[in-house]
PDB file of N, CA and C in Angstrom:
ATOM      1  N   MET A   1     -27.824   9.393  28.074  1.00  0.00           N
ATOM      2  CA  MET A   1     -27.773   8.080  27.466  1.00  0.00           C
ATOM      3  C   MET A   1     -26.539   7.955  26.581  1.00  0.00           C
ATOM      4  N   ARG A   2     -26.151   9.056  25.939  1.00  0.00           N
ATOM      5  CA  ARG A   2     -24.926   9.010  25.132  1.00  0.00           C
ATOM      6  C   ARG A   2     -23.714   8.757  26.024  1.00  0.00           C
ATOM      7  N   GLN A   3     -23.708   9.379  27.199  1.00  0.00           N
ATOM      8  CA  GLN A   3     -22.594   9.176  28.120  1.00  0.00           C
ATOM      9  C   GLN A   3     -22.548   7.712  28.576  1.00  0.00           C
ATOM     10  N   VAL A   4     -23.695   7.113  28.856  1.00  0.00           N
ATOM     11  CA  VAL A   4     -23.732   5.703  29.247  1.00  0.00           C
ATOM     12  C   VAL A   4     -23.177   4.842  28.119  1.00  0.00           C
ATOM     13  N   GLU A   5     -23.547   5.145  26.902  1.00  0.00           N
ATOM     14  CA  GLU A   5     -23.052   4.371  25.769  1.00  0.00           C
ATOM     15  C   GLU A   5     -21.534   4.500  25.622  1.00  0.00           C
ATOM     16  N   ARG A   6     -20.995   5.694  25.871  1.00  0.00           N
ATOM     17  CA  ARG A   6     -19.534   5.880  25.786  1.00  0.00           C
ATOM     18  C   ARG A   6     -18.832   5.118  26.906  1.00  0.00           C
ATOM     19  N   VAL A   7     -19.349   5.234  28.113  1.00  0.00           N
ATOM     20  CA  VAL A   7     -18.704   4.632  29.281  1.00  0.00           C
ATOM     21  C   VAL A   7     -18.871   3.119  29.289  1.00  0.00           C
ATOM     22  N   ALA A   8     -20.045   2.639  28.899  1.00  0.00           N
ATOM     23  CA  ALA A   8     -20.341   1.201  28.955  1.00  0.00           C
ATOM     24  C   ALA A   8     -21.069   0.780  27.683  1.00  0.00           C
ATOM     25  N   PRO A   9     -20.349   0.675  26.553  1.00  0.00           N
ATOM     26  CA  PRO A   9     -21.006   0.369  25.282  1.00  0.00           C
ATOM     27  C   PRO A   9     -21.714  -0.987  25.260  1.00  0.00           C
ATOM     28  N   ASP A  10     -21.284  -1.898  26.113  1.00  0.00           N
ATOM     29  CA  ASP A  10     -21.939  -3.206  26.153  1.00  0.00           C
ATOM     30  C   ASP A  10     -23.261  -3.172  26.907  1.00  0.00           C
ATOM     31  N   MET A  11     -23.603  -2.031  27.476  1.00  0.00           N
ATOM     32  CA  MET A  11     -24.844  -1.901  28.238  1.00  0.00           C
ATOM     33  C   MET A  11     -25.875  -1.044  27.510  1.00  0.00           C
ATOM     34  N   SER A  12     -25.762  -0.914  26.202  1.00  0.00           N
ATOM     35  CA  SER A  12     -26.646   0.005  25.477  1.00  0.00           C
ATOM     36  C   SER A  12     -28.112  -0.404  25.545  1.00  0.00           C
ATOM     37  N   TYR A  13     -28.401  -1.652  25.845  1.00  0.00           N
ATOM     38  CA  TYR A  13     -29.803  -2.063  25.934  1.00  0.00           C
ATOM     39  C   TYR A  13     -30.516  -1.418  27.111  1.00  0.00           C
ATOM     40  N   THR A  14     -29.777  -0.784  28.004  1.00  0.00           N
ATOM     41  CA  THR A  14     -30.428  -0.146  29.154  1.00  0.00           C
ATOM     42  C   THR A  14     -31.104   1.168  28.782  1.00  0.00           C
ATOM     43  N   ARG A  15     -30.845   1.668  27.559  1.00  0.00           N
ATOM     44  CA  ARG A  15     -31.445   2.949  27.170  1.00  0.00           C
ATOM     45  C   ARG A  15     -32.960   2.981  27.336  1.00  0.00           C
ATOM     46  N   PRO A  16     -33.686   1.984  26.836  1.00  0.00           N
ATOM     47  CA  PRO A  16     -35.143   2.051  27.018  1.00  0.00           C
ATOM     48  C   PRO A  16     -35.546   2.052  28.489  1.00  0.00           C
ATOM     49  N   VAL A  17     -34.820   1.326  29.317  1.00  0.00           N
ATOM     50  CA  VAL A  17     -35.128   1.300  30.748  1.00  0.00           C
ATOM     51  C   VAL A  17     -34.909   2.677  31.351  1.00  0.00           C
ATOM     52  N   GLN A  18     -33.801   3.313  30.994  1.00  0.00           N
ATOM     53  CA  GLN A  18     -33.535   4.654  31.516  1.00  0.00           C
ATOM     54  C   GLN A  18     -34.598   5.644  31.042  1.00  0.00           C
ATOM     55  N   ALA A  19     -35.018   5.515  29.805  1.00  0.00           N
ATOM     56  CA  ALA A  19     -36.021   6.434  29.266  1.00  0.00           C
ATOM     57  C   ALA A  19     -37.337   6.290  30.028  1.00  0.00           C
ATOM     58  N   VAL A  20     -37.736   5.059  30.305  1.00  0.00           N
ATOM     59  CA  VAL A  20     -38.974   4.832  31.059  1.00  0.00           C
ATOM     60  C   VAL A  20     -38.821   5.350  32.479  1.00  0.00           C
ATOM     61  N   ALA A  21     -37.691   5.051  33.116  1.00  0.00           N
ATOM     62  CA  ALA A  21     -37.476   5.471  34.498  1.00  0.00           C
ATOM     63  C   ALA A  21     -37.468   6.993  34.623  1.00  0.00           C
ATOM     64  N   ALA A  22     -36.954   7.678  33.627  1.00  0.00           N
ATOM     65  CA  ALA A  22     -36.903   9.141  33.672  1.00  0.00           C
ATOM     66  C   ALA A  22     -38.301   9.749  33.651  1.00  0.00           C
ATOM     67  N   CYS A  23     -39.255   9.017  33.123  1.00  0.00           N
ATOM     68  CA  CYS A  23     -40.618   9.547  33.005  1.00  0.00           C
ATOM     69  C   CYS A  23     -41.517   9.167  34.174  1.00  0.00           C
ATOM     70  N   LEU A  24     -41.048   8.330  35.059  1.00  0.00           N
ATOM     71  CA  LEU A  24     -41.896   7.924  36.183  1.00  0.00           C
ATOM     72  C   LEU A  24     -42.334   9.135  36.988  1.00  0.00           C
ATOM     73  N   GLY A  25     -43.612   9.198  37.290  1.00  0.00           N
ATOM     74  CA  GLY A  25     -44.138  10.291  38.083  1.00  0.00           C
ATOM     75  C   GLY A  25     -44.415  11.553  37.298  1.00  0.00           C
ATOM     76  N   SER A  26     -44.213  11.519  36.004  1.00  0.00           N
ATOM     77  CA  SER A  26     -44.422  12.710  35.201  1.00  0.00           C
ATOM     78  C   SER A  26     -45.428  12.400  34.094  1.00  0.00           C
ATOM     79  N   PRO A  27     -46.403  13.203  33.863  1.00  0.00           N
ATOM     80  CA  PRO A  27     -46.730  14.442  34.559  1.00  0.00           C
ATOM     81  C   PRO A  27     -47.605  14.216  35.791  1.00  0.00           C
ATOM     82  N   ARG A  28     -47.979  12.980  36.064  1.00  0.00           N
ATOM     83  CA  ARG A  28     -48.830  12.695  37.217  1.00  0.00           C
ATOM     84  C   ARG A  28     -48.098  11.773  38.180  1.00  0.00           C
ATOM     85  N   PRO A  29     -48.511  11.754  39.436  1.00  0.00           N
ATOM     86  CA  PRO A  29     -47.893  10.831  40.390  1.00  0.00           C
ATOM     87  C   PRO A  29     -48.113   9.377  39.950  1.00  0.00           C
ATOM     88  N   VAL A  30     -47.211   8.516  40.358  1.00  0.00           N
ATOM     89  CA  VAL A  30     -47.311   7.096  40.048  1.00  0.00           C
ATOM     90  C   VAL A  30     -48.522   6.516  40.779  1.00  0.00           C
ATOM     91  N   ALA A  31     -49.339   5.747  40.076  1.00  0.00           N
ATOM     92  CA  ALA A  31     -50.557   5.179  40.657  1.00  0.00           C
ATOM     93  C   ALA A  31     -50.257   4.045  41.637  1.00  0.00           C
ATOM     94  N   ASN A  32     -49.121   3.386  41.461  1.00  0.00           N
ATOM     95  CA  ASN A  32     -48.775   2.273  42.353  1.00  0.00           C
ATOM     96  C   ASN A  32     -47.347   2.453  42.876  1.00  0.00           C
ATOM     97  N   PRO A  33     -47.129   3.415  43.773  1.00  0.00           N
ATOM     98  CA  PRO A  33     -45.767   3.704  44.242  1.00  0.00           C
ATOM     99  C   PRO A  33     -45.149   2.510  44.962  1.00  0.00           C
ATOM    100  N   GLN A  34     -43.812   2.486  44.971  1.00  0.00           N
ATOM    101  CA  GLN A  34     -43.112   1.420  45.678  1.00  0.00           C
ATOM    102  C   GLN A  34     -43.473   1.451  47.148  1.00  0.00           C
ATOM    103  N   HIS A  35     -43.432   0.276  47.756  1.00  0.00           N
ATOM    104  CA  HIS A  35     -43.734   0.159  49.183  1.00  0.00           C
ATOM    105  C   HIS A  35     -43.040  -1.092  49.708  1.00  0.00           C
ATOM    106  N   ARG A  36     -42.934  -1.177  51.004  1.00  0.00           N
ATOM    107  CA  ARG A  36     -42.353  -2.377  51.606  1.00  0.00           C
ATOM    108  C   ARG A  36     -43.271  -3.558  51.314  1.00  0.00           C
ATOM    109  N   LEU A  37     -42.667  -4.718  51.138  1.00  0.00           N
ATOM    110  CA  LEU A  37     -43.448  -5.920  50.877  1.00  0.00           C
ATOM    111  C   LEU A  37     -44.187  -6.343  52.133  1.00  0.00           C
ATOM    112  N   ASP A  38     -45.363  -6.879  51.957  1.00  0.00           N
ATOM    113  CA  ASP A  38     -46.155  -7.394  53.070  1.00  0.00           C
ATOM    114  C   ASP A  38     -46.612  -8.792  52.688  1.00  0.00           C
ATOM    115  N   VAL A  39     -45.787  -9.775  53.005  1.00  0.00           N
ATOM    116  CA  VAL A  39     -46.057 -11.166  52.635  1.00  0.00           C
ATOM    117  C   VAL A  39     -46.065 -11.975  53.922  1.00  0.00           C
ATOM    118  N   ARG A  40     -47.206 -12.621  54.211  1.00  0.00           N
ATOM    119  CA  ARG A  40     -47.302 -13.395  55.450  1.00  0.00           C
ATOM    120  C   ARG A  40     -48.113 -14.656  55.240  1.00  0.00           C
ATOM    121  N   GLY A  41     -47.740 -15.684  55.974  1.00  0.00           N
ATOM    122  CA  GLY A  41     -48.549 -16.894  56.039  1.00  0.00           C
ATOM    123  C   GLY A  41     -48.473 -17.814  54.840  1.00  0.00           C
ATOM    124  N   LEU A  42     -47.360 -17.828  54.139  1.00  0.00           N
ATOM    125  CA  LEU A  42     -47.230 -18.715  52.989  1.00  0.00           C
ATOM    126  C   LEU A  42     -46.912 -20.131  53.442  1.00  0.00           C
ATOM    127  N   ARG A  43     -47.433 -21.125  52.743  1.00  0.00           N
ATOM    128  CA  ARG A  43     -47.081 -22.523  53.046  1.00  0.00           C
ATOM    129  C   ARG A  43     -45.648 -22.806  52.621  1.00  0.00           C
ATOM    130  N   THR A  44     -45.272 -22.289  51.457  1.00  0.00           N
ATOM    131  CA  THR A  44     -43.925 -22.474  50.930  1.00  0.00           C
ATOM    132  C   THR A  44     -43.308 -21.100  50.714  1.00  0.00           C
ATOM    133  N   PRO A  45     -42.109 -20.877  51.245  1.00  0.00           N
ATOM    134  CA  PRO A  45     -41.466 -19.579  51.033  1.00  0.00           C
ATOM    135  C   PRO A  45     -41.247 -19.289  49.548  1.00  0.00           C
ATOM    136  N   ILE A  46     -41.206 -18.027  49.211  1.00  0.00           N
ATOM    137  CA  ILE A  46     -40.931 -17.577  47.848  1.00  0.00           C
ATOM    138  C   ILE A  46     -39.450 -17.780  47.566  1.00  0.00           C
ATOM    139  N   LEU A  47     -39.124 -18.338  46.400  1.00  0.00           N
ATOM    140  CA  LEU A  47     -37.730 -18.475  45.994  1.00  0.00           C
ATOM    141  C   LEU A  47     -37.366 -17.288  45.121  1.00  0.00           C
ATOM    142  N   LEU A  48     -36.347 -16.567  45.538  1.00  0.00           N
ATOM    143  CA  LEU A  48     -35.822 -15.419  44.813  1.00  0.00           C
ATOM    144  C   LEU A  48     -34.431 -15.817  44.337  1.00  0.00           C
ATOM    145  N   SER A  49     -34.155 -15.613  43.058  1.00  0.00           N
ATOM    146  CA  SER A  49     -32.857 -15.996  42.504  1.00  0.00           C
ATOM    147  C   SER A  49     -32.241 -14.804  41.795  1.00  0.00           C
ATOM    148  N   ASN A  50     -30.951 -14.566  42.043  1.00  0.00           N
ATOM    149  CA  ASN A  50     -30.281 -13.416  41.439  1.00  0.00           C
ATOM    150  C   ASN A  50     -28.795 -13.711  41.288  1.00  0.00           C
ATOM    151  N   ALA A  51     -28.224 -13.222  40.194  1.00  0.00           N
ATOM    152  CA  ALA A  51     -26.783 -13.326  39.994  1.00  0.00           C
ATOM    153  C   ALA A  51     -26.081 -12.246  40.809  1.00  0.00           C
ATOM    154  N   LEU A  52     -24.939 -12.586  41.332  1.00  0.00           N
ATOM    155  CA  LEU A  52     -24.156 -11.651  42.131  1.00  0.00           C
ATOM    156  C   LEU A  52     -23.743 -10.431  41.304  1.00  0.00           C
ATOM    157  N   HIS A  53     -23.497 -10.650  40.021  1.00  0.00           N
ATOM    158  CA  HIS A  53     -23.063  -9.563  39.132  1.00  0.00           C
ATOM    159  C   HIS A  53     -24.072  -9.384  38.004  1.00  0.00           C
ATOM    160  N   ASP A  54     -25.299  -9.065  38.375  1.00  0.00           N
ATOM    161  CA  ASP A  54     -26.376  -8.851  37.404  1.00  0.00           C
ATOM    162  C   ASP A  54     -26.354  -7.388  36.981  1.00  0.00           C
ATOM    163  N   PRO A  55     -26.155  -7.109  35.680  1.00  0.00           N
ATOM    164  CA  PRO A  55     -26.063  -5.718  35.240  1.00  0.00           C
ATOM    165  C   PRO A  55     -27.405  -4.992  35.192  1.00  0.00           C
ATOM    166  N   ALA A  56     -28.510  -5.723  35.262  1.00  0.00           N
ATOM    167  CA  ALA A  56     -29.825  -5.093  35.115  1.00  0.00           C
ATOM    168  C   ALA A  56     -30.587  -4.988  36.433  1.00  0.00           C
ATOM    169  N   SER A  57     -30.482  -5.987  37.270  1.00  0.00           N
ATOM    170  CA  SER A  57     -31.140  -5.928  38.583  1.00  0.00           C
ATOM    171  C   SER A  57     -30.094  -6.318  39.616  1.00  0.00           C
ATOM    172  N   GLY A  58     -29.525  -5.298  40.221  1.00  0.00           N
ATOM    173  CA  GLY A  58     -28.384  -5.475  41.111  1.00  0.00           C
ATOM    174  C   GLY A  58     -28.652  -6.418  42.268  1.00  0.00           C
ATOM    175  N   TYR A  59     -27.594  -7.040  42.710  1.00  0.00           N
ATOM    176  CA  TYR A  59     -27.693  -8.006  43.804  1.00  0.00           C
ATOM    177  C   TYR A  59     -28.191  -7.343  45.085  1.00  0.00           C
ATOM    178  N   ASP A  60     -27.839  -6.070  45.273  1.00  0.00           N
ATOM    179  CA  ASP A  60     -28.323  -5.370  46.463  1.00  0.00           C
ATOM    180  C   ASP A  60     -29.849  -5.258  46.465  1.00  0.00           C
ATOM    181  N   TRP A  61     -30.452  -5.190  45.282  1.00  0.00           N
ATOM    182  CA  TRP A  61     -31.913  -5.179  45.215  1.00  0.00           C
ATOM    183  C   TRP A  61     -32.465  -6.520  45.703  1.00  0.00           C
ATOM    184  N   ALA A  62     -31.825  -7.596  45.274  1.00  0.00           N
ATOM    185  CA  ALA A  62     -32.286  -8.928  45.679  1.00  0.00           C
ATOM    186  C   ALA A  62     -32.150  -9.124  47.184  1.00  0.00           C
ATOM    187  N   THR A  63     -31.039  -8.663  47.753  1.00  0.00           N
ATOM    188  CA  THR A  63     -30.883  -8.827  49.198  1.00  0.00           C
ATOM    189  C   THR A  63     -31.888  -7.961  49.957  1.00  0.00           C
ATOM    190  N   ASN A  64     -32.246  -6.813  49.399  1.00  0.00           N
ATOM    191  CA  ASN A  64     -33.263  -5.970  50.020  1.00  0.00           C
ATOM    192  C   ASN A  64     -34.619  -6.676  50.002  1.00  0.00           C
ATOM    193  N   VAL A  65     -34.976  -7.251  48.866  1.00  0.00           N
ATOM    194  CA  VAL A  65     -36.244  -7.990  48.781  1.00  0.00           C
ATOM    195  C   VAL A  65     -36.214  -9.167  49.741  1.00  0.00           C
ATOM    196  N   SER A  66     -35.095  -9.876  49.784  1.00  0.00           N
ATOM    197  CA  SER A  66     -34.962 -11.017  50.683  1.00  0.00           C
ATOM    198  C   SER A  66     -35.163 -10.604  52.139  1.00  0.00           C
ATOM    199  N   ARG A  67     -34.570  -9.481  52.529  1.00  0.00           N
ATOM    200  CA  ARG A  67     -34.757  -8.980  53.900  1.00  0.00           C
ATOM    201  C   ARG A  67     -36.227  -8.678  54.170  1.00  0.00           C
ATOM    202  N   GLN A  68     -36.905  -8.071  53.192  1.00  0.00           N
ATOM    203  CA  GLN A  68     -38.316  -7.742  53.388  1.00  0.00           C
ATOM    204  C   GLN A  68     -39.175  -8.998  53.484  1.00  0.00           C
ATOM    205  N   LEU A  69     -38.803 -10.032  52.743  1.00  0.00           N
ATOM    206  CA  LEU A  69     -39.576 -11.281  52.791  1.00  0.00           C
ATOM    207  C   LEU A  69     -39.378 -12.013  54.113  1.00  0.00           C
ATOM    208  N   GLY A  70     -38.209 -11.869  54.711  1.00  0.00           N
ATOM    209  CA  GLY A  70     -37.935 -12.548  55.981  1.00  0.00           C
ATOM    210  C   GLY A  70     -38.077 -14.052  55.837  1.00  0.00           C
ATOM    211  N   ARG A  71     -38.812 -14.676  56.759  1.00  0.00           N
ATOM    212  CA  ARG A  71     -39.017 -16.135  56.726  1.00  0.00           C
ATOM    213  C   ARG A  71     -39.863 -16.573  55.543  1.00  0.00           C
ATOM    214  N   GLU A  72     -40.514 -15.619  54.884  1.00  0.00           N
ATOM    215  CA  GLU A  72     -41.406 -15.949  53.763  1.00  0.00           C
ATOM    216  C   GLU A  72     -40.660 -16.065  52.435  1.00  0.00           C
ATOM    217  N   GLY A  73     -39.329 -15.954  52.468  1.00  0.00           N
ATOM    218  CA  GLY A  73     -38.573 -16.040  51.226  1.00  0.00           C
ATOM    219  C   GLY A  73     -37.166 -16.557  51.433  1.00  0.00           C
ATOM    220  N   VAL A  74     -36.589 -17.081  50.361  1.00  0.00           N
ATOM    221  CA  VAL A  74     -35.210 -17.576  50.364  1.00  0.00           C
ATOM    222  C   VAL A  74     -34.530 -17.053  49.104  1.00  0.00           C
ATOM    223  N   LEU A  75     -33.317 -16.522  49.263  1.00  0.00           N
ATOM    224  CA  LEU A  75     -32.540 -16.011  48.144  1.00  0.00           C
ATOM    225  C   LEU A  75     -31.518 -17.053  47.702  1.00  0.00           C
ATOM    226  N   LEU A  76     -31.581 -17.436  46.428  1.00  0.00           N
ATOM    227  CA  LEU A  76     -30.592 -18.306  45.798  1.00  0.00           C
ATOM    228  C   LEU A  76     -29.631 -17.400  45.044  1.00  0.00           C
ATOM    229  N   THR A  77     -28.344 -17.483  45.347  1.00  0.00           N
ATOM    230  CA  THR A  77     -27.351 -16.619  44.722  1.00  0.00           C
ATOM    231  C   THR A  77     -26.557 -17.384  43.676  1.00  0.00           C
ATOM    232  N   TYR A  78     -26.525 -16.837  42.460  1.00  0.00           N
ATOM    233  CA  TYR A  78     -25.613 -17.341  41.422  1.00  0.00           C
ATOM    234  C   TYR A  78     -24.384 -16.459  41.499  1.00  0.00           C
ATOM    235  N   GLU A  79     -23.213 -17.035  41.734  1.00  0.00           N
ATOM    236  CA  GLU A  79     -22.000 -16.267  41.998  1.00  0.00           C
ATOM    237  C   GLU A  79     -21.352 -15.693  40.740  1.00  0.00           C
ATOM    238  N   GLY A  80     -22.030 -15.776  39.618  1.00  0.00           N
ATOM    239  CA  GLY A  80     -21.487 -15.268  38.366  1.00  0.00           C
ATOM    240  C   GLY A  80     -22.163 -13.996  37.915  1.00  0.00           C
ATOM    241  N   ALA A  81     -22.041 -13.744  36.606  1.00  0.00           N
ATOM    242  CA  ALA A  81     -22.578 -12.530  36.001  1.00  0.00           C
ATOM    243  C   ALA A  81     -23.707 -12.873  35.045  1.00  0.00           C
ATOM    244  N   GLY A  82     -24.500 -11.861  34.742  1.00  0.00           N
ATOM    245  CA  GLY A  82     -25.573 -12.017  33.769  1.00  0.00           C
ATOM    246  C   GLY A  82     -26.917 -11.698  34.378  1.00  0.00           C
ATOM    247  N   HIS A  83     -27.850 -11.373  33.513  1.00  0.00           N
ATOM    248  CA  HIS A  83     -29.207 -11.064  33.952  1.00  0.00           C
ATOM    249  C   HIS A  83     -30.040 -12.325  33.833  1.00  0.00           C
ATOM    250  N   GLY A  84     -30.592 -12.743  34.935  1.00  0.00           N
ATOM    251  CA  GLY A  84     -31.346 -13.996  34.972  1.00  0.00           C
ATOM    252  C   GLY A  84     -30.396 -15.122  35.344  1.00  0.00           C
ATOM    253  N   SER A  85     -30.792 -15.933  36.294  1.00  0.00           N
ATOM    254  CA  SER A  85     -29.891 -16.989  36.753  1.00  0.00           C
ATOM    255  C   SER A  85     -30.370 -18.388  36.362  1.00  0.00           C
ATOM    256  N   TYR A  86     -31.623 -18.523  35.961  1.00  0.00           N
ATOM    257  CA  TYR A  86     -32.111 -19.843  35.563  1.00  0.00           C
ATOM    258  C   TYR A  86     -31.377 -20.267  34.299  1.00  0.00           C
ATOM    259  N   GLY A  87     -30.835 -21.462  34.297  1.00  0.00           N
ATOM    260  CA  GLY A  87     -30.133 -21.968  33.139  1.00  0.00           C
ATOM    261  C   GLY A  87     -28.678 -21.541  33.062  1.00  0.00           C
ATOM    262  N   ARG A  88     -28.207 -20.733  34.002  1.00  0.00           N
ATOM    263  CA  ARG A  88     -26.804 -20.310  33.990  1.00  0.00           C
ATOM    264  C   ARG A  88     -25.882 -21.461  34.378  1.00  0.00           C
ATOM    265  N   SER A  89     -26.397 -22.379  35.179  1.00  0.00           N
ATOM    266  CA  SER A  89     -25.597 -23.532  35.600  1.00  0.00           C
ATOM    267  C   SER A  89     -26.546 -24.672  35.956  1.00  0.00           C
ATOM    268  N   ASP A  90     -25.992 -25.869  36.033  1.00  0.00           N
ATOM    269  CA  ASP A  90     -26.802 -27.005  36.474  1.00  0.00           C
ATOM    270  C   ASP A  90     -27.309 -26.770  37.889  1.00  0.00           C
ATOM    271  N   CYS A  91     -26.490 -26.111  38.701  1.00  0.00           N
ATOM    272  CA  CYS A  91     -26.871 -25.839  40.093  1.00  0.00           C
ATOM    273  C   CYS A  91     -28.092 -24.930  40.166  1.00  0.00           C
ATOM    274  N   THR A  92     -28.056 -23.791  39.462  1.00  0.00           N
ATOM    275  CA  THR A  92     -29.198 -22.870  39.537  1.00  0.00           C
ATOM    276  C   THR A  92     -30.439 -23.496  38.925  1.00  0.00           C
ATOM    277  N   GLN A  93     -30.275 -24.105  37.775  1.00  0.00           N
ATOM    278  CA  GLN A  93     -31.438 -24.696  37.114  1.00  0.00           C
ATOM    279  C   GLN A  93     -32.023 -25.829  37.953  1.00  0.00           C
ATOM    280  N   GLY A  94     -31.165 -26.679  38.498  1.00  0.00           N
ATOM    281  CA  GLY A  94     -31.653 -27.791  39.321  1.00  0.00           C
ATOM    282  C   GLY A  94     -32.354 -27.318  40.575  1.00  0.00           C
ATOM    283  N   THR A  95     -31.774 -26.308  41.231  1.00  0.00           N
ATOM    284  CA  THR A  95     -32.375 -25.784  42.463  1.00  0.00           C
ATOM    285  C   THR A  95     -33.740 -25.162  42.176  1.00  0.00           C
ATOM    286  N   ILE A  96     -33.818 -24.384  41.110  1.00  0.00           N
ATOM    287  CA  ILE A  96     -35.088 -23.744  40.753  1.00  0.00           C
ATOM    288  C   ILE A  96     -36.106 -24.783  40.291  1.00  0.00           C
ATOM    289  N   ASP A  97     -35.673 -25.762  39.509  1.00  0.00           N
ATOM    290  CA  ASP A  97     -36.581 -26.837  39.078  1.00  0.00           C
ATOM    291  C   ASP A  97     -37.149 -27.585  40.276  1.00  0.00           C
ATOM    292  N   ARG A  98     -36.300 -27.939  41.238  1.00  0.00           N
ATOM    293  CA  ARG A  98     -36.776 -28.678  42.422  1.00  0.00           C
ATOM    294  C   ARG A  98     -37.795 -27.843  43.199  1.00  0.00           C
ATOM    295  N   TYR A  99     -37.588 -26.541  43.229  1.00  0.00           N
ATOM    296  CA  TYR A  99     -38.543 -25.667  43.906  1.00  0.00           C
ATOM    297  C   TYR A  99     -39.875 -25.649  43.160  1.00  0.00           C
ATOM    298  N   LEU A 100     -39.820 -25.458  41.844  1.00  0.00           N
ATOM    299  CA  LEU A 100     -41.053 -25.351  41.056  1.00  0.00           C
ATOM    300  C   LEU A 100     -41.806 -26.668  40.941  1.00  0.00           C
ATOM    301  N   ILE A 101     -41.086 -27.765  40.842  1.00  0.00           N
ATOM    302  CA  ILE A 101     -41.728 -29.061  40.621  1.00  0.00           C
ATOM    303  C   ILE A 101     -42.126 -29.720  41.936  1.00  0.00           C
ATOM    304  N   ASP A 102     -41.216 -29.705  42.919  1.00  0.00           N
ATOM    305  CA  ASP A 102     -41.437 -30.447  44.161  1.00  0.00           C
ATOM    306  C   ASP A 102     -41.639 -29.559  45.390  1.00  0.00           C
ATOM    307  N   LEU A 103     -41.639 -28.242  45.198  1.00  0.00           N
ATOM    308  CA  LEU A 103     -41.723 -27.278  46.294  1.00  0.00           C
ATOM    309  C   LEU A 103     -40.609 -27.498  47.311  1.00  0.00           C
ATOM    310  N   GLU A 104     -39.438 -27.950  46.841  1.00  0.00           N
ATOM    311  CA  GLU A 104     -38.270 -28.141  47.699  1.00  0.00           C
ATOM    312  C   GLU A 104     -37.556 -26.804  47.819  1.00  0.00           C
ATOM    313  N   VAL A 105     -37.564 -26.252  49.023  1.00  0.00           N
ATOM    314  CA  VAL A 105     -36.978 -24.941  49.268  1.00  0.00           C
ATOM    315  C   VAL A 105     -35.512 -25.113  49.663  1.00  0.00           C
ATOM    316  N   PRO A 106     -34.595 -24.440  48.958  1.00  0.00           N
ATOM    317  CA  PRO A 106     -33.183 -24.557  49.341  1.00  0.00           C
ATOM    318  C   PRO A 106     -32.930 -23.897  50.696  1.00  0.00           C
ATOM    319  N   ALA A 107     -31.859 -24.307  51.328  1.00  0.00           N
ATOM    320  CA  ALA A 107     -31.478 -23.713  52.612  1.00  0.00           C
ATOM    321  C   ALA A 107     -31.114 -22.244  52.420  1.00  0.00           C
ATOM    322  N   ARG A 108     -31.362 -21.460  53.437  1.00  0.00           N
ATOM    323  CA  ARG A 108     -30.954 -20.049  53.397  1.00  0.00           C
ATOM    324  C   ARG A 108     -29.450 -19.976  53.169  1.00  0.00           C
ATOM    325  N   GLY A 109     -29.038 -19.035  52.339  1.00  0.00           N
ATOM    326  CA  GLY A 109     -27.626 -18.871  52.062  1.00  0.00           C
ATOM    327  C   GLY A 109     -27.110 -19.761  50.940  1.00  0.00           C
ATOM    328  N   THR A 110     -28.006 -20.513  50.288  1.00  0.00           N
ATOM    329  CA  THR A 110     -27.580 -21.373  49.195  1.00  0.00           C
ATOM    330  C   THR A 110     -27.050 -20.527  48.039  1.00  0.00           C
ATOM    331  N   SER A 111     -25.906 -20.942  47.511  1.00  0.00           N
ATOM    332  CA  SER A 111     -25.355 -20.256  46.352  1.00  0.00           C
ATOM    333  C   SER A 111     -24.813 -21.288  45.370  1.00  0.00           C
ATOM    334  N   CYS A 112     -24.732 -20.876  44.130  1.00  0.00           N
ATOM    335  CA  CYS A 112     -24.227 -21.728  43.052  1.00  0.00           C
ATOM    336  C   CYS A 112     -23.007 -21.053  42.451  1.00  0.00           C
ATOM    337  N   PRO A 113     -21.913 -21.810  42.275  1.00  0.00           N
ATOM    338  CA  PRO A 113     -20.705 -21.204  41.709  1.00  0.00           C
ATOM    339  C   PRO A 113     -20.905 -20.740  40.272  1.00  0.00           C
ATOM    340  N   ALA A 114     -20.124 -19.745  39.894  1.00  0.00           N
ATOM    341  CA  ALA A 114     -20.157 -19.248  38.522  1.00  0.00           C
ATOM    342  C   ALA A 114     -19.614 -20.319  37.587  1.00  0.00           C
ATOM    343  N   VAL A 115     -20.164 -20.327  36.384  1.00  0.00           N
ATOM    344  CA  VAL A 115     -19.733 -21.257  35.353  1.00  0.00           C
ATOM    345  C   VAL A 115     -19.258 -20.424  34.175  1.00  0.00           C
ATOM    346  N   ALA A 116     -18.132 -20.818  33.597  1.00  0.00           N
ATOM    347  CA  ALA A 116     -17.624 -20.096  32.439  1.00  0.00           C
ATOM    348  C   ALA A 116     -18.627 -20.228  31.288  1.00  0.00           C
ATOM    349  N   PRO A 117     -18.914 -19.113  30.607  1.00  0.00           N
ATOM    350  CA  PRO A 117     -19.868 -19.175  29.491  1.00  0.00           C
ATOM    351  C   PRO A 117     -19.323 -20.054  28.362  1.00  0.00           C
ATOM    352  N   THR A 118     -20.222 -20.745  27.698  1.00  0.00           N
ATOM    353  CA  THR A 118     -19.830 -21.553  26.544  1.00  0.00           C
ATOM    354  C   THR A 118     -19.933 -20.713  25.288  1.00  0.00           C
ATOM    355  N   THR A 119     -19.065 -20.999  24.344  1.00  0.00           N
ATOM    356  CA  THR A 119     -19.099 -20.228  23.089  1.00  0.00           C
ATOM    357  C   THR A 119     -19.589 -21.059  21.949  1.00  0.00           C
TER     358      THR A 119
END
């Protein structure tokens, strides 16, 4: 953890996550191990949203989940950085709001451009 802090001081909040992850499976096996998703027969596909440059949950994780969901899910990509994409731009917030309020599912491959952070 000290090495992570030296190499990436702006990522120091990951320490608790690393500490928890290091203990997984110890001293007993995990009661709910990871497994492939099994989602079938939904009326409305699941909306998954992820930033392309998310420091906490990598974009490759989102694309993996999206692949597992298949037709049962749609990935909305925010082309910027940050953890969490809701509220990052009018595009992401509007797309997610339309999904939650009206069950309007965006087209596959929908992405929202990055927006410069406000100070």
